[in-house]
Amino acid sequence: MENNRRNFLKIAGLAGIGMTMMNPLLAGEKAKRSKMRFGLVTYQWGKDWDLPTLIANCEAAGVWGVELRTQHKHGVETGLNAFQRAEVEKRFKDSPVTCLGYGSNYEYHSPDPSELQKNIEGTKEYIKLCHDIGATGIKVKPNTLPKEVEKEKTIAQIAASLNEVGKFARDYNQLIRVEAHGPVTSELPNMKAIFEQVAEPNVKICWNCNDVDLLPPGLEGNFNMVKKWVGDTIHIHELNSGKYPYQQLFDLLVGMRYNGWLLLEGNTNPDDKTTALKEQLSTFNQLVERAQNK
């Protein structure tokens, strides 16, 4: 009987493959299902939650990924000792919520060599922390291009710094996620200029849903300009307010079969943030569904 059952399952599986081969529409529909996931950046909506509360609220909302922002109440910082780091890792391992990484404020545009080095060395310390708590990467950012310095020089400096921290991060199996951020540097042609000089494959762009994304040549043109460098995290803001064309963005992501995380970086301050998270997740699912059905 066991052999008969196995043969039946094998034949059924082959039949399923055969049906897909005979009807390419079935294969297309299956491949089209999006694997994008919704998560949270603790920028505003999680900044006042300690770590157990943060994890519990994410679980209650059905949000399974989180990027921990620096200097917030959950207190996951480099001052943690080995035992405390292991405790953070265990809390996430015991939960369905994934700690995606750390949202730092490290930047590499300063013309002051000592300030630049301070940011590079700080990044390295938090790369170690990310490794120790079971995360997969650290978010960094360019923040501007100083007017008193030749633009090309600062772009080269930022890229060289990203290569240095990227190389360091490889030994810890971590990604460097570069948020498209700051005056001038958030403009996609400048992000492109930086990444054309980035050689480390674990250094990726974190798309940030900025208003400048809509500047000529428009959202699709700007996205296509850098999409080969877009990594496993994208920052979004409230999906049901504002003028950002989220449906168009979701269409582009589904079209490229993006399977990373879209992390909510809330700008508002709702009283019940867990309920607000559920509402954002519902809107996220609707946007994905509409993109898949096009």
C-alpha atoms as a PDB file:
ATOM      1  CA  MET A   1       0.000   0.000   0.000  1.00  0.00           C
ATOM      2  CA  GLU A   2       2.863   2.353   0.807  1.00  0.00           C
ATOM      3  CA  ASN A   3       4.403   1.708  -2.618  1.00  0.00           C
ATOM      4  CA  ASN A   4       1.042   2.352  -4.273  1.00  0.00           C
ATOM      5  CA  ARG A   5       0.693   5.616  -2.359  1.00  0.00           C
ATOM      6  CA  ARG A   6       4.163   6.742  -3.400  1.00  0.00           C
ATOM      7  CA  ASN A   7       3.499   5.848  -7.031  1.00  0.00           C
ATOM      8  CA  PHE A   8       0.236   7.755  -6.956  1.00  0.00           C
ATOM      9  CA  LEU A   9       1.921  10.866  -5.545  1.00  0.00           C
ATOM     10  CA  LYS A  10       4.681  10.595  -8.112  1.00  0.00           C
ATOM     11  CA  ILE A  11       2.202  10.226 -10.982  1.00  0.00           C
ATOM     12  CA  ALA A  12       0.082  13.081  -9.624  1.00  0.00           C
ATOM     13  CA  GLY A  13       3.148  15.285  -9.404  1.00  0.00           C
ATOM     14  CA  LEU A  14       4.183  14.461 -12.946  1.00  0.00           C
ATOM     15  CA  ALA A  15       0.645  15.108 -14.103  1.00  0.00           C
ATOM     16  CA  GLY A  16       0.751  18.505 -12.485  1.00  0.00           C
ATOM     17  CA  ILE A  17       3.999  19.284 -14.266  1.00  0.00           C
ATOM     18  CA  GLY A  18       2.498  18.050 -17.499  1.00  0.00           C
ATOM     19  CA  MET A  19      -0.564  20.244 -17.097  1.00  0.00           C
ATOM     20  CA  THR A  20       1.678  23.248 -16.512  1.00  0.00           C
ATOM     21  CA  MET A  21       3.746  22.420 -19.575  1.00  0.00           C
ATOM     22  CA  MET A  22       0.602  22.050 -21.688  1.00  0.00           C
ATOM     23  CA  ASN A  23      -0.860  25.299 -20.377  1.00  0.00           C
ATOM     24  CA  PRO A  24       1.838  27.995 -20.081  1.00  0.00           C
ATOM     25  CA  LEU A  25      -0.790  30.325 -18.601  1.00  0.00           C
ATOM     26  CA  LEU A  26      -0.777  28.180 -15.460  1.00  0.00           C
ATOM     27  CA  ALA A  27       2.996  28.471 -15.223  1.00  0.00           C
ATOM     28  CA  GLY A  28       2.774  32.195 -15.753  1.00  0.00           C
ATOM     29  CA  GLU A  29       0.174  32.635 -13.052  1.00  0.00           C
ATOM     30  CA  LYS A  30       2.210  30.598 -10.582  1.00  0.00           C
ATOM     31  CA  ALA A  31       5.404  32.514 -11.334  1.00  0.00           C
ATOM     32  CA  LYS A  32       3.577  35.810 -11.074  1.00  0.00           C
ATOM     33  CA  ARG A  33       2.616  35.362  -7.421  1.00  0.00           C
ATOM     34  CA  SER A  34       4.599  37.916  -5.479  1.00  0.00           C
ATOM     35  CA  LYS A  35       6.907  36.989  -2.609  1.00  0.00           C
ATOM     36  CA  MET A  36       7.250  40.561  -1.369  1.00  0.00           C
ATOM     37  CA  ARG A  37       6.838  40.887   2.391  1.00  0.00           C
ATOM     38  CA  PHE A  38       5.688  43.694   4.667  1.00  0.00           C
ATOM     39  CA  GLY A  39       7.710  44.804   7.679  1.00  0.00           C
ATOM     40  CA  LEU A  40       8.387  47.717  10.009  1.00  0.00           C
ATOM     41  CA  VAL A  41      11.138  50.274  10.515  1.00  0.00           C
ATOM     42  CA  THR A  42      11.020  51.391  14.152  1.00  0.00           C
ATOM     43  CA  TYR A  43      11.567  55.024  13.187  1.00  0.00           C
ATOM     44  CA  GLN A  44       8.372  56.432  14.710  1.00  0.00           C
ATOM     45  CA  TRP A  45       5.855  53.661  15.242  1.00  0.00           C
ATOM     46  CA  GLY A  46       8.183  51.475  17.309  1.00  0.00           C
ATOM     47  CA  LYS A  47      10.517  53.983  18.910  1.00  0.00           C
ATOM     48  CA  ASP A  48       8.819  53.860  22.332  1.00  0.00           C
ATOM     49  CA  TRP A  49       8.542  50.055  22.549  1.00  0.00           C
ATOM     50  CA  ASP A  50      11.029  47.941  24.451  1.00  0.00           C
ATOM     51  CA  LEU A  51      12.120  44.797  22.648  1.00  0.00           C
ATOM     52  CA  PRO A  52       9.519  42.366  24.096  1.00  0.00           C
ATOM     53  CA  THR A  53       6.737  44.883  23.348  1.00  0.00           C
ATOM     54  CA  LEU A  54       8.047  45.485  19.833  1.00  0.00           C
ATOM     55  CA  ILE A  55       8.059  41.789  19.034  1.00  0.00           C
ATOM     56  CA  ALA A  56       4.647  41.216  20.644  1.00  0.00           C
ATOM     57  CA  ASN A  57       3.053  44.110  18.734  1.00  0.00           C
ATOM     58  CA  CYS A  58       4.515  42.917  15.435  1.00  0.00           C
ATOM     59  CA  GLU A  59       3.140  39.439  16.117  1.00  0.00           C
ATOM     60  CA  ALA A  60      -0.294  40.878  16.953  1.00  0.00           C
ATOM     61  CA  ALA A  61      -0.322  42.855  13.700  1.00  0.00           C
ATOM     62  CA  GLY A  62       0.939  39.963  11.548  1.00  0.00           C
ATOM     63  CA  VAL A  63       4.110  41.855  10.663  1.00  0.00           C
ATOM     64  CA  TRP A  64       6.992  39.418  10.354  1.00  0.00           C
ATOM     65  CA  GLY A  65      10.041  41.601   9.731  1.00  0.00           C
ATOM     66  CA  VAL A  66      11.580  44.561  11.538  1.00  0.00           C
ATOM     67  CA  GLU A  67      14.519  46.923  11.063  1.00  0.00           C
ATOM     68  CA  LEU A  68      15.677  48.259  14.436  1.00  0.00           C
ATOM     69  CA  ARG A  69      16.385  51.973  14.406  1.00  0.00           C
ATOM     70  CA  THR A  70      19.207  53.344  16.529  1.00  0.00           C
ATOM     71  CA  GLN A  71      18.732  55.253  19.809  1.00  0.00           C
ATOM     72  CA  HIS A  72      15.233  53.926  20.484  1.00  0.00           C
ATOM     73  CA  LYS A  73      13.717  52.302  23.545  1.00  0.00           C
ATOM     74  CA  HIS A  74      14.399  48.728  22.428  1.00  0.00           C
ATOM     75  CA  GLY A  75      18.038  49.597  23.122  1.00  0.00           C
ATOM     76  CA  VAL A  76      19.818  47.226  20.756  1.00  0.00           C
ATOM     77  CA  GLU A  77      23.162  49.018  20.607  1.00  0.00           C
ATOM     78  CA  THR A  78      26.855  48.137  20.552  1.00  0.00           C
ATOM     79  CA  GLY A  79      27.058  48.550  24.324  1.00  0.00           C
ATOM     80  CA  LEU A  80      25.358  45.166  24.740  1.00  0.00           C
ATOM     81  CA  ASN A  81      27.662  42.445  26.044  1.00  0.00           C
ATOM     82  CA  ALA A  82      27.868  38.938  24.572  1.00  0.00           C
ATOM     83  CA  PHE A  83      25.158  37.563  26.877  1.00  0.00           C
ATOM     84  CA  GLN A  84      22.766  40.424  26.063  1.00  0.00           C
ATOM     85  CA  ARG A  85      23.367  40.024  22.338  1.00  0.00           C
ATOM     86  CA  ALA A  86      22.580  36.329  22.622  1.00  0.00           C
ATOM     87  CA  GLU A  87      19.360  37.233  24.466  1.00  0.00           C
ATOM     88  CA  VAL A  88      18.293  39.526  21.619  1.00  0.00           C
ATOM     89  CA  GLU A  89      19.018  36.788  19.090  1.00  0.00           C
ATOM     90  CA  LYS A  90      17.029  34.273  21.139  1.00  0.00           C
ATOM     91  CA  ARG A  91      14.017  36.579  21.440  1.00  0.00           C
ATOM     92  CA  PHE A  92      13.773  36.735  17.660  1.00  0.00           C
ATOM     93  CA  LYS A  93      14.478  33.039  17.202  1.00  0.00           C
ATOM     94  CA  ASP A  94      11.624  32.252  19.554  1.00  0.00           C
ATOM     95  CA  SER A  95       9.309  34.502  17.530  1.00  0.00           C
ATOM     96  CA  PRO A  96       8.013  34.445  13.934  1.00  0.00           C
ATOM     97  CA  VAL A  97       9.310  38.025  13.642  1.00  0.00           C
ATOM     98  CA  THR A  98      12.595  38.340  11.740  1.00  0.00           C
ATOM     99  CA  CYS A  99      15.199  40.886  12.771  1.00  0.00           C
ATOM    100  CA  LEU A 100      16.291  42.132   9.373  1.00  0.00           C
ATOM    101  CA  GLY A 101      18.974  44.420  10.654  1.00  0.00           C
ATOM    102  CA  TYR A 102      19.895  47.743  12.069  1.00  0.00           C
ATOM    103  CA  GLY A 103      19.055  51.249  10.937  1.00  0.00           C
ATOM    104  CA  SER A 104      22.096  53.394  11.647  1.00  0.00           C
ATOM    105  CA  ASN A 105      22.851  57.043  10.956  1.00  0.00           C
ATOM    106  CA  TYR A 106      26.352  56.451   9.605  1.00  0.00           C
ATOM    107  CA  GLU A 107      27.265  58.572   6.586  1.00  0.00           C
ATOM    108  CA  TYR A 108      30.399  59.062   4.493  1.00  0.00           C
ATOM    109  CA  HIS A 109      30.274  62.497   2.901  1.00  0.00           C
ATOM    110  CA  SER A 110      32.224  64.572   5.436  1.00  0.00           C
ATOM    111  CA  PRO A 111      35.317  66.354   4.080  1.00  0.00           C
ATOM    112  CA  ASP A 112      36.852  66.008   7.571  1.00  0.00           C
ATOM    113  CA  PRO A 113      39.010  62.839   7.477  1.00  0.00           C
ATOM    114  CA  SER A 114      38.599  62.186  11.206  1.00  0.00           C
ATOM    115  CA  GLU A 115      34.815  62.481  10.978  1.00  0.00           C
ATOM    116  CA  LEU A 116      34.748  60.166   7.980  1.00  0.00           C
ATOM    117  CA  GLN A 117      36.864  57.574   9.773  1.00  0.00           C
ATOM    118  CA  LYS A 118      34.640  57.814  12.846  1.00  0.00           C
ATOM    119  CA  ASN A 119      31.634  56.900  10.709  1.00  0.00           C
ATOM    120  CA  ILE A 120      33.448  54.017   9.024  1.00  0.00           C
ATOM    121  CA  GLU A 121      34.661  52.531  12.306  1.00  0.00           C
ATOM    122  CA  GLY A 122      31.228  52.984  13.881  1.00  0.00           C
ATOM    123  CA  THR A 123      29.672  51.104  10.986  1.00  0.00           C
ATOM    124  CA  LYS A 124      32.042  48.206  11.548  1.00  0.00           C
ATOM    125  CA  GLU A 125      31.076  47.932  15.213  1.00  0.00           C
ATOM    126  CA  TYR A 126      27.402  47.733  14.317  1.00  0.00           C
ATOM    127  CA  ILE A 127      28.135  45.145  11.631  1.00  0.00           C
ATOM    128  CA  LYS A 128      29.465  42.954  14.444  1.00  0.00           C
ATOM    129  CA  LEU A 129      26.320  43.655  16.466  1.00  0.00           C
ATOM    130  CA  CYS A 130      24.079  42.680  13.523  1.00  0.00           C
ATOM    131  CA  HIS A 131      25.967  39.417  13.196  1.00  0.00           C
ATOM    132  CA  ASP A 132      25.694  38.682  16.914  1.00  0.00           C
ATOM    133  CA  ILE A 133      21.908  39.241  17.102  1.00  0.00           C
ATOM    134  CA  GLY A 134      21.196  37.133  14.018  1.00  0.00           C
ATOM    135  CA  ALA A 135      20.389  40.002  11.666  1.00  0.00           C
ATOM    136  CA  THR A 136      21.372  40.206   8.000  1.00  0.00           C
ATOM    137  CA  GLY A 137      22.520  43.781   7.448  1.00  0.00           C
ATOM    138  CA  ILE A 138      22.938  47.390   8.455  1.00  0.00           C
ATOM    139  CA  LYS A 139      21.320  50.454   6.931  1.00  0.00           C
ATOM    140  CA  VAL A 140      23.644  53.400   6.251  1.00  0.00           C
ATOM    141  CA  LYS A 141      23.167  56.511   4.140  1.00  0.00           C
ATOM    142  CA  PRO A 142      24.694  59.282   2.186  1.00  0.00           C
ATOM    143  CA  ASN A 143      23.266  62.493   3.580  1.00  0.00           C
ATOM    144  CA  THR A 144      24.413  65.261   1.245  1.00  0.00           C
ATOM    145  CA  LEU A 145      27.155  66.440  -1.086  1.00  0.00           C
ATOM    146  CA  PRO A 146      29.003  69.343   0.613  1.00  0.00           C
ATOM    147  CA  LYS A 147      28.885  72.448  -1.560  1.00  0.00           C
ATOM    148  CA  GLU A 148      32.478  73.381  -0.780  1.00  0.00           C
ATOM    149  CA  VAL A 149      33.809  70.106  -2.241  1.00  0.00           C
ATOM    150  CA  GLU A 150      33.824  69.007  -5.856  1.00  0.00           C
ATOM    151  CA  LYS A 151      30.814  66.748  -6.390  1.00  0.00           C
ATOM    152  CA  GLU A 152      32.781  63.970  -8.074  1.00  0.00           C
ATOM    153  CA  LYS A 153      35.278  63.876  -5.199  1.00  0.00           C
ATOM    154  CA  THR A 154      32.571  63.320  -2.568  1.00  0.00           C
ATOM    155  CA  ILE A 155      30.829  60.706  -4.695  1.00  0.00           C
ATOM    156  CA  ALA A 156      34.110  58.815  -5.019  1.00  0.00           C
ATOM    157  CA  GLN A 157      34.687  59.126  -1.256  1.00  0.00           C
ATOM    158  CA  ILE A 158      31.238  57.750  -0.442  1.00  0.00           C
ATOM    159  CA  ALA A 159      31.735  54.834  -2.837  1.00  0.00           C
ATOM    160  CA  ALA A 160      35.191  54.063  -1.437  1.00  0.00           C
ATOM    161  CA  SER A 161      33.774  54.083   2.104  1.00  0.00           C
ATOM    162  CA  LEU A 162      30.961  51.737   1.075  1.00  0.00           C
ATOM    163  CA  ASN A 163      33.520  49.406  -0.463  1.00  0.00           C
ATOM    164  CA  GLU A 164      35.507  49.403   2.780  1.00  0.00           C
ATOM    165  CA  VAL A 165      32.575  48.636   5.048  1.00  0.00           C
ATOM    166  CA  GLY A 166      31.164  46.208   2.483  1.00  0.00           C
ATOM    167  CA  LYS A 167      34.374  44.220   2.444  1.00  0.00           C
ATOM    168  CA  PHE A 168      34.399  44.170   6.243  1.00  0.00           C
ATOM    169  CA  ALA A 169      30.744  43.065   6.330  1.00  0.00           C
ATOM    170  CA  ARG A 170      31.414  40.087   4.048  1.00  0.00           C
ATOM    171  CA  ASP A 171      33.308  38.361   6.857  1.00  0.00           C
ATOM    172  CA  TYR A 172      30.179  38.614   9.002  1.00  0.00           C
ATOM    173  CA  ASN A 173      27.695  37.612   6.255  1.00  0.00           C
ATOM    174  CA  GLN A 174      26.046  41.023   6.401  1.00  0.00           C
ATOM    175  CA  LEU A 175      24.610  43.347   3.780  1.00  0.00           C
ATOM    176  CA  ILE A 176      25.248  47.076   3.596  1.00  0.00           C
ATOM    177  CA  ARG A 177      21.906  48.694   2.761  1.00  0.00           C
ATOM    178  CA  VAL A 178      22.409  52.226   1.471  1.00  0.00           C
ATOM    179  CA  GLU A 179      19.288  54.308   1.973  1.00  0.00           C
ATOM    180  CA  ALA A 180      18.607  56.793  -0.814  1.00  0.00           C
ATOM    181  CA  HIS A 181      18.654  59.702   1.598  1.00  0.00           C
ATOM    182  CA  GLY A 182      19.470  63.351   2.096  1.00  0.00           C
ATOM    183  CA  PRO A 183      19.489  66.538   0.058  1.00  0.00           C
ATOM    184  CA  VAL A 184      21.006  65.919  -3.376  1.00  0.00           C
ATOM    185  CA  THR A 185      22.183  62.386  -2.569  1.00  0.00           C
ATOM    186  CA  SER A 186      18.625  61.041  -2.592  1.00  0.00           C
ATOM    187  CA  GLU A 187      18.356  61.974  -6.262  1.00  0.00           C
ATOM    188  CA  LEU A 188      18.681  58.793  -8.261  1.00  0.00           C
ATOM    189  CA  PRO A 189      21.291  60.022 -10.766  1.00  0.00           C
ATOM    190  CA  ASN A 190      23.586  60.698  -7.799  1.00  0.00           C
ATOM    191  CA  MET A 191      22.866  57.290  -6.264  1.00  0.00           C
ATOM    192  CA  LYS A 192      23.682  55.781  -9.645  1.00  0.00           C
ATOM    193  CA  ALA A 193      26.974  57.712  -9.785  1.00  0.00           C
ATOM    194  CA  ILE A 194      27.905  56.372  -6.346  1.00  0.00           C
ATOM    195  CA  PHE A 195      27.032  52.771  -7.162  1.00  0.00           C
ATOM    196  CA  GLU A 196      28.882  52.809 -10.447  1.00  0.00           C
ATOM    197  CA  GLN A 197      31.998  52.947  -8.239  1.00  0.00           C
ATOM    198  CA  VAL A 198      30.847  50.350  -5.695  1.00  0.00           C
ATOM    199  CA  ALA A 199      32.561  47.025  -6.281  1.00  0.00           C
ATOM    200  CA  GLU A 200      31.411  45.006  -3.249  1.00  0.00           C
ATOM    201  CA  PRO A 201      28.422  42.801  -4.174  1.00  0.00           C
ATOM    202  CA  ASN A 202      26.925  42.916  -0.669  1.00  0.00           C
ATOM    203  CA  VAL A 203      26.415  46.707  -0.858  1.00  0.00           C
ATOM    204  CA  LYS A 204      22.861  47.427  -2.031  1.00  0.00           C
ATOM    205  CA  ILE A 205      20.486  50.347  -2.439  1.00  0.00           C
ATOM    206  CA  CYS A 206      17.559  50.711  -0.058  1.00  0.00           C
ATOM    207  CA  TRP A 207      14.908  52.484  -2.159  1.00  0.00           C
ATOM    208  CA  ASN A 208      13.316  55.118   0.065  1.00  0.00           C
ATOM    209  CA  CYS A 209      10.133  56.393  -1.676  1.00  0.00           C
ATOM    210  CA  ASN A 210      11.246  60.026  -1.790  1.00  0.00           C
ATOM    211  CA  ASP A 211       9.460  62.823  -3.643  1.00  0.00           C
ATOM    212  CA  VAL A 212      12.554  63.232  -5.834  1.00  0.00           C
ATOM    213  CA  ASP A 213      11.826  59.779  -7.288  1.00  0.00           C
ATOM    214  CA  LEU A 214       9.168  61.528  -9.380  1.00  0.00           C
ATOM    215  CA  LEU A 215      11.520  64.044 -10.974  1.00  0.00           C
ATOM    216  CA  PRO A 216      12.227  63.557 -14.700  1.00  0.00           C
ATOM    217  CA  PRO A 217      12.411  60.896 -16.098  1.00  0.00           C
ATOM    218  CA  GLY A 218       9.702  59.900 -13.606  1.00  0.00           C
ATOM    219  CA  LEU A 219       9.298  56.998 -11.205  1.00  0.00           C
ATOM    220  CA  GLU A 220       9.780  54.208 -13.731  1.00  0.00           C
ATOM    221  CA  GLY A 221      12.786  55.875 -15.343  1.00  0.00           C
ATOM    222  CA  ASN A 222      14.451  56.606 -12.012  1.00  0.00           C
ATOM    223  CA  PHE A 223      13.716  53.128 -10.686  1.00  0.00           C
ATOM    224  CA  ASN A 224      15.125  51.456 -13.775  1.00  0.00           C
ATOM    225  CA  MET A 225      18.214  53.652 -13.450  1.00  0.00           C
ATOM    226  CA  VAL A 226      19.237  51.874 -10.228  1.00  0.00           C
ATOM    227  CA  LYS A 227      17.127  48.725  -9.967  1.00  0.00           C
ATOM    228  CA  LYS A 228      20.063  46.375 -10.554  1.00  0.00           C
ATOM    229  CA  TRP A 229      21.478  47.568  -7.232  1.00  0.00           C
ATOM    230  CA  VAL A 230      18.229  47.483  -5.233  1.00  0.00           C
ATOM    231  CA  GLY A 231      18.630  45.099  -2.318  1.00  0.00           C
ATOM    232  CA  ASP A 232      16.330  43.132  -0.057  1.00  0.00           C
ATOM    233  CA  THR A 233      14.815  46.109   1.779  1.00  0.00           C
ATOM    234  CA  ILE A 234      12.749  49.053   0.574  1.00  0.00           C
ATOM    235  CA  HIS A 235      11.450  51.807   2.847  1.00  0.00           C
ATOM    236  CA  ILE A 236       7.857  52.845   2.319  1.00  0.00           C
ATOM    237  CA  HIS A 237       5.687  55.381   4.129  1.00  0.00           C
ATOM    238  CA  GLU A 238       1.963  55.306   4.881  1.00  0.00           C
ATOM    239  CA  LEU A 239       0.463  53.558   1.869  1.00  0.00           C
ATOM    240  CA  ASN A 240      -2.993  55.080   2.153  1.00  0.00           C
ATOM    241  CA  SER A 241      -2.007  58.751   2.298  1.00  0.00           C
ATOM    242  CA  GLY A 242       0.159  61.213   0.412  1.00  0.00           C
ATOM    243  CA  LYS A 243       0.802  61.536  -3.293  1.00  0.00           C
ATOM    244  CA  TYR A 244       3.492  58.915  -3.847  1.00  0.00           C
ATOM    245  CA  PRO A 245       2.386  56.532  -6.654  1.00  0.00           C
ATOM    246  CA  TYR A 246       2.669  53.316  -4.652  1.00  0.00           C
ATOM    247  CA  GLN A 247       0.613  51.286  -7.094  1.00  0.00           C
ATOM    248  CA  GLN A 248       3.075  52.107  -9.852  1.00  0.00           C
ATOM    249  CA  LEU A 249       5.972  51.139  -7.579  1.00  0.00           C
ATOM    250  CA  PHE A 250       4.298  47.838  -6.684  1.00  0.00           C
ATOM    251  CA  ASP A 251       3.674  47.174 -10.383  1.00  0.00           C
ATOM    252  CA  LEU A 252       7.385  47.657 -11.065  1.00  0.00           C
ATOM    253  CA  LEU A 253       8.390  45.409  -8.163  1.00  0.00           C
ATOM    254  CA  VAL A 254       6.011  42.616  -9.129  1.00  0.00           C
ATOM    255  CA  GLY A 255       7.209  42.967 -12.721  1.00  0.00           C
ATOM    256  CA  MET A 256      10.812  42.339 -11.674  1.00  0.00           C
ATOM    257  CA  ARG A 257       9.724  39.535  -9.287  1.00  0.00           C
ATOM    258  CA  TYR A 258      11.091  41.362  -6.296  1.00  0.00           C
ATOM    259  CA  ASN A 259      11.061  39.073  -3.251  1.00  0.00           C
ATOM    260  CA  GLY A 260      12.413  41.380  -0.558  1.00  0.00           C
ATOM    261  CA  TRP A 261      10.889  43.355   2.285  1.00  0.00           C
ATOM    262  CA  LEU A 262       8.938  46.595   2.099  1.00  0.00           C
ATOM    263  CA  LEU A 263       9.438  48.202   5.491  1.00  0.00           C
ATOM    264  CA  LEU A 264       7.030  50.822   6.794  1.00  0.00           C
ATOM    265  CA  GLU A 265       8.807  53.951   8.005  1.00  0.00           C
ATOM    266  CA  GLY A 266       5.772  55.705   9.455  1.00  0.00           C
ATOM    267  CA  ASN A 267       5.732  59.493   9.589  1.00  0.00           C
ATOM    268  CA  THR A 268       2.458  59.907  11.492  1.00  0.00           C
ATOM    269  CA  ASN A 269       1.693  59.206  15.151  1.00  0.00           C
ATOM    270  CA  PRO A 270      -1.484  57.115  15.470  1.00  0.00           C
ATOM    271  CA  ASP A 271      -2.706  56.377  19.000  1.00  0.00           C
ATOM    272  CA  ASP A 272      -3.108  52.650  18.334  1.00  0.00           C
ATOM    273  CA  LYS A 273      -0.071  51.726  16.291  1.00  0.00           C
ATOM    274  CA  THR A 274      -0.780  47.998  16.268  1.00  0.00           C
ATOM    275  CA  THR A 275      -4.162  48.597  14.632  1.00  0.00           C
ATOM    276  CA  ALA A 276      -2.525  51.090  12.266  1.00  0.00           C
ATOM    277  CA  LEU A 277       0.023  48.428  11.310  1.00  0.00           C
ATOM    278  CA  LYS A 278      -2.789  46.007  10.486  1.00  0.00           C
ATOM    279  CA  GLU A 279      -4.385  48.653   8.276  1.00  0.00           C
ATOM    280  CA  GLN A 280      -1.114  49.266   6.455  1.00  0.00           C
ATOM    281  CA  LEU A 281      -0.632  45.535   5.958  1.00  0.00           C
ATOM    282  CA  SER A 282      -4.126  45.299   4.465  1.00  0.00           C
ATOM    283  CA  THR A 283      -3.363  48.158   2.054  1.00  0.00           C
ATOM    284  CA  PHE A 284      -0.049  46.493   1.187  1.00  0.00           C
ATOM    285  CA  ASN A 285      -1.841  43.248   0.301  1.00  0.00           C
ATOM    286  CA  GLN A 286      -4.342  45.125  -1.861  1.00  0.00           C
ATOM    287  CA  LEU A 287      -1.552  46.880  -3.777  1.00  0.00           C
ATOM    288  CA  VAL A 288       0.237  43.580  -4.349  1.00  0.00           C
ATOM    289  CA  GLU A 289      -2.960  41.893  -5.501  1.00  0.00           C
ATOM    290  CA  ARG A 290      -3.755  44.645  -8.000  1.00  0.00           C
ATOM    291  CA  ALA A 291      -0.189  44.523  -9.342  1.00  0.00           C
ATOM    292  CA  GLN A 292      -0.379  40.767  -9.778  1.00  0.00           C
ATOM    293  CA  ASN A 293      -3.686  40.968 -11.626  1.00  0.00           C
ATOM    294  CA  LYS A 294      -2.437  43.370 -14.279  1.00  0.00           C
END
